[in-house]
C-alpha atoms as a PDB file:
ATOM      1  CA  MET A   1     135.498 122.848  87.396  1.00  0.00           C
ATOM      2  CA  ASP A   2     134.940 119.795  85.696  1.00  0.00           C
ATOM      3  CA  LEU A   3     132.948 119.598  82.315  1.00  0.00           C
ATOM      4  CA  LYS A   4     129.841 120.483  84.137  1.00  0.00           C
ATOM      5  CA  THR A   5     130.864 123.883  85.251  1.00  0.00           C
ATOM      6  CA  ALA A   6     133.279 124.539  81.911  1.00  0.00           C
ATOM      7  CA  ARG A   7     130.908 125.829  79.792  1.00  0.00           C
ATOM      8  CA  LEU A   8     129.522 128.626  81.376  1.00  0.00           C
ATOM      9  CA  PHE A   9     132.931 129.231  82.677  1.00  0.00           C
ATOM     10  CA  ARG A  10     134.176 129.636  78.354  1.00  0.00           C
ATOM     11  CA  GLY A  11     130.888 131.159  78.034  1.00  0.00           C
ATOM     12  CA  ALA A  12     131.794 133.779  80.751  1.00  0.00           C
ATOM     13  CA  LEU A  13     135.732 134.255  78.807  1.00  0.00           C
ATOM     14  CA  ASP A  14     134.036 134.679  75.529  1.00  0.00           C
ATOM     15  CA  GLU A  15     131.660 137.207  77.108  1.00  0.00           C
ATOM     16  CA  ALA A  16     134.572 139.112  79.238  1.00  0.00           C
ATOM     17  CA  ALA A  17     136.521 139.011  76.238  1.00  0.00           C
ATOM     18  CA  GLN A  18     134.343 141.013  74.319  1.00  0.00           C
ATOM     19  CA  ASP A  19     134.980 144.075  76.563  1.00  0.00           C
ATOM     20  CA  GLY A  20     137.707 144.844  74.829  1.00  0.00           C
ATOM     21  CA  LYS A  21     140.324 145.585  77.826  1.00  0.00           C
ATOM     22  CA  PRO A  22     143.709 145.220  77.820  1.00  0.00           C
ATOM     23  CA  ARG A  23     143.671 142.685  80.524  1.00  0.00           C
ATOM     24  CA  LEU A  24     141.191 139.764  81.997  1.00  0.00           C
ATOM     25  CA  ILE A  25     141.597 138.368  84.912  1.00  0.00           C
ATOM     26  CA  VAL A  26     140.224 134.933  86.075  1.00  0.00           C
ATOM     27  CA  ASP A  27     140.181 134.278  89.951  1.00  0.00           C
ATOM     28  CA  MET A  28     140.473 131.318  90.334  1.00  0.00           C
ATOM     29  CA  SER A  29     141.715 131.486  94.525  1.00  0.00           C
ATOM     30  CA  GLU A  30     137.909 129.708  95.398  1.00  0.00           C
ATOM     31  CA  VAL A  31     138.511 126.809  93.019  1.00  0.00           C
ATOM     32  CA  PRO A  32     140.001 123.887  94.848  1.00  0.00           C
ATOM     33  CA  PHE A  33     139.512 121.199  91.545  1.00  0.00           C
ATOM     34  CA  MET A  34     140.263 121.502  88.033  1.00  0.00           C
ATOM     35  CA  ASP A  35     139.598 119.238  85.424  1.00  0.00           C
ATOM     36  CA  SER A  36     141.250 119.209  81.549  1.00  0.00           C
ATOM     37  CA  SER A  37     137.569 120.796  80.425  1.00  0.00           C
ATOM     38  CA  GLY A  38     138.433 124.112  82.803  1.00  0.00           C
ATOM     39  CA  LEU A  39     142.040 124.188  81.137  1.00  0.00           C
ATOM     40  CA  ALA A  40     140.687 123.649  77.534  1.00  0.00           C
ATOM     41  CA  ALA A  41     138.232 126.915  78.490  1.00  0.00           C
ATOM     42  CA  LEU A  42     141.301 128.926  79.383  1.00  0.00           C
ATOM     43  CA  ILE A  43     142.858 127.508  76.065  1.00  0.00           C
ATOM     44  CA  GLY A  44     140.505 128.404  74.264  1.00  0.00           C
ATOM     45  CA  ALA A  45     140.017 132.086  75.980  1.00  0.00           C
ATOM     46  CA  GLN A  46     143.835 132.864  75.331  1.00  0.00           C
ATOM     47  CA  LYS A  47     143.712 131.956  72.019  1.00  0.00           C
ATOM     48  CA  ALA A  48     140.887 134.084  71.389  1.00  0.00           C
ATOM     49  CA  LEU A  49     142.214 136.786  73.182  1.00  0.00           C
ATOM     50  CA  ARG A  50     146.338 136.504  72.343  1.00  0.00           C
ATOM     51  CA  GLU A  51     146.886 139.576  70.361  1.00  0.00           C
ATOM     52  CA  ALA A  52     144.423 142.459  72.332  1.00  0.00           C
ATOM     53  CA  THR A  53     144.266 141.286  75.966  1.00  0.00           C
ATOM     54  CA  GLN A  54     146.613 139.839  78.537  1.00  0.00           C
ATOM     55  CA  LEU A  55     144.528 136.590  80.402  1.00  0.00           C
ATOM     56  CA  ILE A  56     146.044 136.383  83.863  1.00  0.00           C
ATOM     57  CA  VAL A  57     145.325 133.881  86.335  1.00  0.00           C
ATOM     58  CA  VAL A  58     145.065 134.200  89.751  1.00  0.00           C
ATOM     59  CA  CYS A  59     146.152 130.535  90.805  1.00  0.00           C
ATOM     60  CA  PRO A  60     146.089 128.662  94.250  1.00  0.00           C
ATOM     61  CA  ASP A  61     148.649 126.351  94.965  1.00  0.00           C
ATOM     62  CA  ASN A  62     146.504 123.384  93.953  1.00  0.00           C
ATOM     63  CA  LEU A  63     145.873 124.393  90.741  1.00  0.00           C
ATOM     64  CA  ARG A  64     149.287 125.346  90.537  1.00  0.00           C
ATOM     65  CA  ARG A  65     151.094 121.914  89.280  1.00  0.00           C
ATOM     66  CA  ILE A  66     148.014 121.805  86.857  1.00  0.00           C
ATOM     67  CA  PHE A  67     149.647 124.840  85.100  1.00  0.00           C
ATOM     68  CA  GLU A  68     152.906 123.582  85.069  1.00  0.00           C
ATOM     69  CA  VAL A  69     152.211 119.950  83.885  1.00  0.00           C
ATOM     70  CA  THR A  70     150.333 121.169  80.980  1.00  0.00           C
ATOM     71  CA  ARG A  71     152.792 124.082  80.502  1.00  0.00           C
ATOM     72  CA  LEU A  72     149.923 126.718  80.091  1.00  0.00           C
ATOM     73  CA  ASP A  73     151.565 128.997  82.859  1.00  0.00           C
ATOM     74  CA  SER A  74     154.192 129.468  79.110  1.00  0.00           C
ATOM     75  CA  ILE A  75     151.197 130.995  77.338  1.00  0.00           C
ATOM     76  CA  VAL A  76     149.233 132.468  80.470  1.00  0.00           C
ATOM     77  CA  SER A  77     150.059 134.627  83.133  1.00  0.00           C
ATOM     78  CA  LEU A  78     149.874 133.549  86.189  1.00  0.00           C
ATOM     79  CA  VAL A  79     150.007 135.027  89.793  1.00  0.00           C
ATOM     80  CA  ALA A  80     149.012 134.357  93.786  1.00  0.00           C
ATOM     81  CA  SER A  81     146.653 136.643  94.883  1.00  0.00           C
ATOM     82  CA  LEU A  82     143.812 139.124  93.073  1.00  0.00           C
ATOM     83  CA  PRO A  83     145.845 142.466  94.401  1.00  0.00           C
ATOM     84  CA  GLU A  84     149.009 140.968  92.165  1.00  0.00           C
ATOM     85  CA  ALA A  85     146.549 140.949  89.818  1.00  0.00           C
ATOM     86  CA  LEU A  86     145.406 144.358  89.835  1.00  0.00           C
ATOM     87  CA  VAL A  87     149.139 145.559  89.405  1.00  0.00           C
ATOM     88  CA  ALA A  88     150.237 143.226  86.812  1.00  0.00           C
END
């Protein structure tokens, strides 16, 4: 996920957020790379969802360190797999 794809990603997050469901699961298990624009899209979504919807990210090991270094793991729920997200 980079500058090119982050805009589409943010649009999809915004659209999903309008459903008003209690959880929004973002499956990033197939994402090999993410730069700051992808992080910004997630942060923006988290801010928009803050009270109404819990943001859960399926985060593979290759991205987990990015979430930890930026402390994004303190504001979104990270899980290792989609089945884990579904029961979270």
